[in-house]
Amino acid sequence: MLEYAKVILPKVSFSKELFEKELRKCIDWVSGEELSELKQWCFSQFDSTYPEILAKLFENVAA
């Protein structure tokens, strides 16, 4: 599921609303150990574009 997230999120990053919707789905779908990897990857890829969305959605996720 992590690989799916790495494919889909860049494709929807043109839209703030769509990006947030897809990221929520990805967070719900990935397994526990993949979640911290997803968080690290998202911050490295999208922190300059959507820092508020990342902070909100990953606020309770351990790195």
N, C-alpha and C. Protein backbone atom coordinates (compact mmCIF):
# COMPACT_ATOMS: atom_id res chain seq x y z
N MET A 1 0.82 -1.19 0.00
CA MET A 1 0.00 0.00 0.00
C MET A 1 0.86 1.26 0.00
N LEU A 2 2.02 1.17 0.60
CA LEU A 2 2.93 2.32 0.62
C LEU A 2 3.35 2.70 -0.78
N GLU A 3 3.60 1.73 -1.61
CA GLU A 3 4.00 2.02 -2.99
C GLU A 3 2.85 2.70 -3.74
N TYR A 4 1.64 2.31 -3.46
CA TYR A 4 0.48 2.96 -4.07
C TYR A 4 0.45 4.44 -3.67
N ALA A 5 0.68 4.72 -2.40
CA ALA A 5 0.70 6.10 -1.92
C ALA A 5 1.76 6.91 -2.64
N LYS A 6 2.92 6.31 -2.86
CA LYS A 6 4.02 7.02 -3.52
C LYS A 6 3.72 7.29 -4.99
N VAL A 7 2.80 6.55 -5.56
CA VAL A 7 2.40 6.78 -6.96
C VAL A 7 1.26 7.80 -7.02
N ILE A 8 0.26 7.63 -6.18
CA ILE A 8 -0.95 8.45 -6.29
C ILE A 8 -0.79 9.86 -5.74
N LEU A 9 -0.09 10.03 -4.64
CA LEU A 9 -0.01 11.35 -4.03
C LEU A 9 0.64 12.40 -4.92
N PRO A 10 1.74 12.10 -5.60
CA PRO A 10 2.27 13.12 -6.52
C PRO A 10 1.30 13.47 -7.65
N LYS A 11 0.49 12.50 -8.07
CA LYS A 11 -0.45 12.74 -9.16
C LYS A 11 -1.60 13.66 -8.75
N VAL A 12 -1.94 13.68 -7.47
CA VAL A 12 -3.06 14.51 -7.01
C VAL A 12 -2.57 15.76 -6.27
N SER A 13 -1.30 15.99 -6.24
CA SER A 13 -0.76 17.10 -5.47
C SER A 13 -1.08 18.47 -6.07
N PHE A 14 -1.66 18.51 -7.25
CA PHE A 14 -2.06 19.77 -7.87
C PHE A 14 -3.26 20.39 -7.16
N SER A 15 -4.01 19.57 -6.41
CA SER A 15 -5.22 20.03 -5.74
C SER A 15 -5.11 19.78 -4.24
N LYS A 16 -5.22 20.83 -3.47
CA LYS A 16 -5.11 20.72 -2.01
C LYS A 16 -6.17 19.77 -1.45
N GLU A 17 -7.40 19.92 -1.90
CA GLU A 17 -8.50 19.09 -1.40
C GLU A 17 -8.32 17.62 -1.77
N LEU A 18 -7.96 17.37 -3.00
CA LEU A 18 -7.76 16.00 -3.45
C LEU A 18 -6.56 15.36 -2.77
N PHE A 19 -5.50 16.13 -2.60
CA PHE A 19 -4.31 15.63 -1.91
C PHE A 19 -4.67 15.21 -0.49
N GLU A 20 -5.39 16.06 0.21
CA GLU A 20 -5.76 15.74 1.60
C GLU A 20 -6.64 14.50 1.66
N LYS A 21 -7.60 14.40 0.75
CA LYS A 21 -8.50 13.25 0.71
C LYS A 21 -7.73 11.95 0.47
N GLU A 22 -6.83 11.96 -0.50
CA GLU A 22 -6.06 10.75 -0.82
C GLU A 22 -5.06 10.42 0.29
N LEU A 23 -4.48 11.43 0.90
CA LEU A 23 -3.54 11.16 1.99
C LEU A 23 -4.27 10.54 3.18
N ARG A 24 -5.46 11.00 3.46
CA ARG A 24 -6.27 10.39 4.55
C ARG A 24 -6.48 8.90 4.26
N LYS A 25 -6.84 8.59 3.04
CA LYS A 25 -7.05 7.18 2.66
C LYS A 25 -5.77 6.38 2.84
N CYS A 26 -4.67 6.93 2.38
CA CYS A 26 -3.39 6.22 2.47
C CYS A 26 -3.00 5.96 3.92
N ILE A 27 -3.22 6.94 4.79
CA ILE A 27 -2.91 6.77 6.20
C ILE A 27 -3.75 5.66 6.80
N ASP A 28 -5.01 5.57 6.41
CA ASP A 28 -5.89 4.52 6.93
C ASP A 28 -5.50 3.14 6.40
N TRP A 29 -4.97 3.08 5.19
CA TRP A 29 -4.69 1.80 4.53
C TRP A 29 -3.35 1.19 4.87
N VAL A 30 -2.33 2.00 5.12
CA VAL A 30 -0.99 1.42 5.32
C VAL A 30 -0.91 0.71 6.65
N SER A 31 -0.03 -0.28 6.70
CA SER A 31 0.17 -1.02 7.94
C SER A 31 0.96 -0.18 8.93
N GLY A 32 1.00 -0.62 10.17
CA GLY A 32 1.65 0.13 11.23
C GLY A 32 3.09 0.51 10.95
N GLU A 33 3.88 -0.44 10.50
CA GLU A 33 5.29 -0.12 10.28
C GLU A 33 5.49 0.73 9.02
N GLU A 34 4.58 0.65 8.07
CA GLU A 34 4.68 1.48 6.87
C GLU A 34 4.26 2.92 7.15
N LEU A 35 3.50 3.14 8.21
CA LEU A 35 2.97 4.47 8.49
C LEU A 35 4.09 5.47 8.77
N SER A 36 5.08 5.08 9.54
CA SER A 36 6.18 6.01 9.82
C SER A 36 6.99 6.28 8.55
N GLU A 37 7.13 5.28 7.70
CA GLU A 37 7.82 5.48 6.42
C GLU A 37 7.02 6.42 5.51
N LEU A 38 5.70 6.26 5.50
CA LEU A 38 4.84 7.15 4.73
C LEU A 38 4.99 8.58 5.23
N LYS A 39 4.99 8.76 6.54
CA LYS A 39 5.13 10.09 7.12
C LYS A 39 6.44 10.73 6.69
N GLN A 40 7.53 10.01 6.81
CA GLN A 40 8.84 10.55 6.43
C GLN A 40 8.87 10.90 4.94
N TRP A 41 8.34 10.03 4.12
CA TRP A 41 8.33 10.27 2.67
C TRP A 41 7.48 11.50 2.34
N CYS A 42 6.29 11.60 2.94
CA CYS A 42 5.41 12.73 2.66
C CYS A 42 6.05 14.05 3.06
N PHE A 43 6.69 14.09 4.22
CA PHE A 43 7.34 15.33 4.63
C PHE A 43 8.50 15.68 3.71
N SER A 44 9.22 14.69 3.22
CA SER A 44 10.33 15.00 2.32
C SER A 44 9.84 15.47 0.95
N GLN A 45 8.67 15.00 0.53
CA GLN A 45 8.14 15.34 -0.79
C GLN A 45 7.24 16.58 -0.80
N PHE A 46 6.43 16.74 0.23
CA PHE A 46 5.35 17.73 0.18
C PHE A 46 5.35 18.77 1.30
N ASP A 47 6.38 18.79 2.12
CA ASP A 47 6.40 19.73 3.25
C ASP A 47 6.38 21.18 2.79
N SER A 48 7.00 21.48 1.68
CA SER A 48 7.01 22.87 1.21
C SER A 48 5.68 23.26 0.54
N THR A 49 4.92 22.27 0.10
CA THR A 49 3.66 22.54 -0.58
C THR A 49 2.47 22.53 0.37
N TYR A 50 2.37 21.50 1.20
CA TYR A 50 1.21 21.33 2.09
C TYR A 50 1.62 21.06 3.53
N PRO A 51 2.40 21.94 4.15
CA PRO A 51 2.85 21.65 5.53
C PRO A 51 1.70 21.56 6.53
N GLU A 52 0.64 22.36 6.32
CA GLU A 52 -0.47 22.34 7.27
C GLU A 52 -1.27 21.04 7.19
N ILE A 53 -1.42 20.50 6.00
CA ILE A 53 -2.13 19.23 5.84
C ILE A 53 -1.32 18.10 6.46
N LEU A 54 -0.04 18.07 6.19
CA LEU A 54 0.82 17.02 6.75
C LEU A 54 0.83 17.08 8.27
N ALA A 55 0.97 18.28 8.82
CA ALA A 55 0.98 18.43 10.28
C ALA A 55 -0.34 17.93 10.89
N LYS A 56 -1.45 18.30 10.26
CA LYS A 56 -2.76 17.91 10.78
C LYS A 56 -2.99 16.40 10.71
N LEU A 57 -2.69 15.80 9.56
CA LEU A 57 -2.99 14.38 9.38
C LEU A 57 -2.01 13.45 10.07
N PHE A 58 -0.78 13.91 10.24
CA PHE A 58 0.23 13.06 10.89
C PHE A 58 0.47 13.46 12.35
N GLU A 59 -0.38 14.28 12.93
CA GLU A 59 -0.12 14.81 14.25
C GLU A 59 0.00 13.71 15.32
N ASN A 60 -0.68 12.61 15.18
CA ASN A 60 -0.63 11.54 16.19
C ASN A 60 0.12 10.30 15.70
N VAL A 61 0.97 10.47 14.68
CA VAL A 61 1.70 9.35 14.10
C VAL A 61 3.16 9.45 14.51
N ALA A 62 3.68 8.39 15.10
CA ALA A 62 5.09 8.37 15.50
C ALA A 62 5.97 8.31 14.25
N ALA A 63 7.09 9.00 14.31
CA ALA A 63 8.02 9.01 13.16
C ALA A 63 8.90 7.79 13.15
